[in-house]
C-alpha atoms as a PDB file:
ATOM      1  CA  MET A   1     -13.912  -1.534  -2.522  1.00  0.00           C
ATOM      2  CA  SER A   2     -15.185  -1.336  -6.061  1.00  0.00           C
ATOM      3  CA  LEU A   3     -13.364  -2.878  -9.003  1.00  0.00           C
ATOM      4  CA  LEU A   4     -12.797   0.609 -10.432  1.00  0.00           C
ATOM      5  CA  GLY A   5     -11.263   1.758  -7.145  1.00  0.00           C
ATOM      6  CA  ARG A   6      -8.930  -1.227  -7.030  1.00  0.00           C
ATOM      7  CA  SER A   7      -7.899  -0.710 -10.637  1.00  0.00           C
ATOM      8  CA  ALA A   8      -7.133   2.958 -10.100  1.00  0.00           C
ATOM      9  CA  LEU A   9      -5.093   2.208  -6.984  1.00  0.00           C
ATOM     10  CA  LEU A  10      -3.225  -0.593  -8.725  1.00  0.00           C
ATOM     11  CA  VAL A  11      -2.287   1.564 -11.706  1.00  0.00           C
ATOM     12  CA  VAL A  12      -0.629   4.226  -9.583  1.00  0.00           C
ATOM     13  CA  LEU A  13       1.030   1.760  -7.220  1.00  0.00           C
ATOM     14  CA  VAL A  14       2.607  -0.078 -10.139  1.00  0.00           C
ATOM     15  CA  LEU A  15       4.116   3.083 -11.610  1.00  0.00           C
ATOM     16  CA  VAL A  16       6.019   4.116  -8.499  1.00  0.00           C
ATOM     17  CA  PRO A  17       9.398   2.586  -7.622  1.00  0.00           C
ATOM     18  CA  PHE A  18       9.200   0.973  -4.196  1.00  0.00           C
ATOM     19  CA  GLN A  19      12.581  -0.652  -3.859  1.00  0.00           C
ATOM     20  CA  VAL A  20      15.649   0.261  -1.883  1.00  0.00           C
ATOM     21  CA  LEU A  21      18.744  -1.816  -1.536  1.00  0.00           C
ATOM     22  CA  GLY A  22      18.993  -3.252   1.927  1.00  0.00           C
ATOM     23  CA  CYS A  23      21.617  -5.271   3.697  1.00  0.00           C
ATOM     24  CA  GLY A  24      21.606  -8.461   1.653  1.00  0.00           C
ATOM     25  CA  GLY A  25      18.443  -7.988  -0.318  1.00  0.00           C
ATOM     26  CA  THR A  26      15.909  -5.655  -1.803  1.00  0.00           C
ATOM     27  CA  GLN A  27      13.255  -4.180   0.432  1.00  0.00           C
ATOM     28  CA  LEU A  28      10.220  -2.025  -0.127  1.00  0.00           C
ATOM     29  CA  ASP A  29      10.561   1.656   0.661  1.00  0.00           C
ATOM     30  CA  SER A  30       7.815   1.839   3.290  1.00  0.00           C
ATOM     31  CA  SER A  31       7.696   5.632   3.208  1.00  0.00           C
ATOM     32  CA  LYS A  32       6.922   5.654  -0.527  1.00  0.00           C
ATOM     33  CA  VAL A  33       4.349   2.891  -0.133  1.00  0.00           C
ATOM     34  CA  GLU A  34       2.644   4.854   2.664  1.00  0.00           C
ATOM     35  CA  ASP A  35       2.546   8.053   0.600  1.00  0.00           C
ATOM     36  CA  GLN A  36       1.088   6.292  -2.424  1.00  0.00           C
ATOM     37  CA  VAL A  37      -1.533   4.332  -0.473  1.00  0.00           C
ATOM     38  CA  GLU A  38      -2.655   7.566   1.192  1.00  0.00           C
ATOM     39  CA  ALA A  39      -2.812   9.533  -2.072  1.00  0.00           C
ATOM     40  CA  ASN A  40      -4.632   6.795  -3.903  1.00  0.00           C
ATOM     41  CA  LEU A  41      -7.240   6.161  -1.223  1.00  0.00           C
ATOM     42  CA  GLU A  42      -7.996   9.870  -1.183  1.00  0.00           C
ATOM     43  CA  ASN A  43      -8.162  10.100  -4.993  1.00  0.00           C
ATOM     44  CA  THR A  44      -9.953   6.850  -5.815  1.00  0.00           C
ATOM     45  CA  GLN A  45     -12.110   6.294  -2.732  1.00  0.00           C
ATOM     46  CA  GLY A  46     -12.628   9.869  -1.565  1.00  0.00           C
ATOM     47  CA  LYS A  47     -11.352   8.914   1.885  1.00  0.00           C
ATOM     48  CA  LYS A  48      -9.818  11.577   4.114  1.00  0.00           C
ATOM     49  CA  VAL A  49      -6.591   9.963   5.324  1.00  0.00           C
ATOM     50  CA  SER A  50      -4.410  11.484   8.039  1.00  0.00           C
ATOM     51  CA  SER A  51      -1.616   8.912   7.747  1.00  0.00           C
ATOM     52  CA  VAL A  52      -0.676   5.397   6.699  1.00  0.00           C
ATOM     53  CA  ASP A  53       1.657   3.099   8.646  1.00  0.00           C
ATOM     54  CA  CYS A  54       3.355   0.282   6.726  1.00  0.00           C
ATOM     55  CA  PRO A  55       5.971  -2.042   8.186  1.00  0.00           C
ATOM     56  CA  SER A  56       9.616  -1.359   7.421  1.00  0.00           C
ATOM     57  CA  GLY A  57      12.010  -4.049   6.276  1.00  0.00           C
ATOM     58  CA  VAL A  58       9.542  -5.838   3.977  1.00  0.00           C
ATOM     59  CA  ASP A  59      11.564  -7.934   1.525  1.00  0.00           C
ATOM     60  CA  VAL A  60      10.544  -7.917  -2.122  1.00  0.00           C
ATOM     61  CA  ASP A  61       9.261 -11.484  -2.219  1.00  0.00           C
ATOM     62  CA  PRO A  62       6.788 -12.103  -5.069  1.00  0.00           C
ATOM     63  CA  GLY A  63       3.558 -13.538  -3.713  1.00  0.00           C
ATOM     64  CA  ALA A  64       4.116 -12.157  -0.215  1.00  0.00           C
ATOM     65  CA  LYS A  65       1.395 -10.105   1.454  1.00  0.00           C
ATOM     66  CA  PHE A  66       1.686  -7.380   4.042  1.00  0.00           C
ATOM     67  CA  SER A  67      -0.684  -4.957   5.715  1.00  0.00           C
ATOM     68  CA  CYS A  68      -0.654  -1.237   6.360  1.00  0.00           C
ATOM     69  CA  VAL A  69      -2.814   0.637   8.864  1.00  0.00           C
ATOM     70  CA  VAL A  70      -4.731   3.564   7.383  1.00  0.00           C
ATOM     71  CA  HIS A  71      -5.620   6.312   9.886  1.00  0.00           C
ATOM     72  CA  LEU A  72      -8.682   8.271   8.777  1.00  0.00           C
ATOM     73  CA  SER A  73      -8.945  12.015   9.416  1.00  0.00           C
ATOM     74  CA  GLY A  74     -12.369  11.666  11.032  1.00  0.00           C
ATOM     75  CA  GLY A  75     -11.128   8.977  13.399  1.00  0.00           C
ATOM     76  CA  GLY A  76     -10.982   5.254  12.982  1.00  0.00           C
ATOM     77  CA  THR A  77      -8.608   3.019  11.117  1.00  0.00           C
ATOM     78  CA  GLU A  78      -8.684   0.616   8.202  1.00  0.00           C
ATOM     79  CA  THR A  79      -6.288  -2.130   7.169  1.00  0.00           C
ATOM     80  CA  ALA A  80      -4.978  -2.213   3.610  1.00  0.00           C
ATOM     81  CA  THR A  81      -3.671  -5.636   2.568  1.00  0.00           C
ATOM     82  CA  LEU A  82      -1.132  -5.470  -0.260  1.00  0.00           C
ATOM     83  CA  LEU A  83       0.398  -8.183  -2.436  1.00  0.00           C
ATOM     84  CA  ILE A  84       3.927  -8.014  -3.854  1.00  0.00           C
ATOM     85  CA  ARG A  85       3.265  -9.199  -7.388  1.00  0.00           C
ATOM     86  CA  ASP A  86       6.775  -9.564  -8.785  1.00  0.00           C
ATOM     87  CA  LYS A  87      10.510  -8.996  -8.277  1.00  0.00           C
ATOM     88  CA  ASP A  88      10.087  -5.417  -9.537  1.00  0.00           C
ATOM     89  CA  ALA A  89       7.999  -4.737  -6.415  1.00  0.00           C
ATOM     90  CA  ASN A  90       4.768  -4.032  -8.269  1.00  0.00           C
ATOM     91  CA  LEU A  91       1.959  -4.058  -5.721  1.00  0.00           C
ATOM     92  CA  SER A  92      -1.733  -4.888  -5.768  1.00  0.00           C
ATOM     93  CA  LEU A  93      -4.282  -3.829  -3.182  1.00  0.00           C
ATOM     94  CA  LEU A  94      -6.055  -7.039  -2.170  1.00  0.00           C
ATOM     95  CA  LYS A  95      -8.521  -5.531   0.289  1.00  0.00           C
ATOM     96  CA  LEU A  96      -9.288  -2.542   2.422  1.00  0.00           C
ATOM     97  CA  GLN A  97     -11.107  -3.385   5.629  1.00  0.00           C
ATOM     98  CA  ALA A  98     -12.436  -1.200   8.430  1.00  0.00           C
ATOM     99  CA  ASN A  99     -10.993  -2.006  11.859  1.00  0.00           C
ATOM    100  CA  LYS A 100     -13.467  -2.476  14.693  1.00  0.00           C
END
């Protein structure tokens, strides 16, 4: 992924609130993360995405990484690795890798 693509994805991901109060802590709203990853990959990378699957119950733990599976419209999948940058749940896309 190009530096410009990463920057564009990061900007939009940072602007969207991803938190929901969970039982005893703050967790990412996986549905919102999925929607934003999909929209941003389509807008910044020109990828045709049919859906994105991110894990539920991810605690907002600065420095933690998690992965989402990106399902492409033409078939195939890619893995998006995201980093939780801070306690405000700002995210960075670390890498996007095609699955074999």
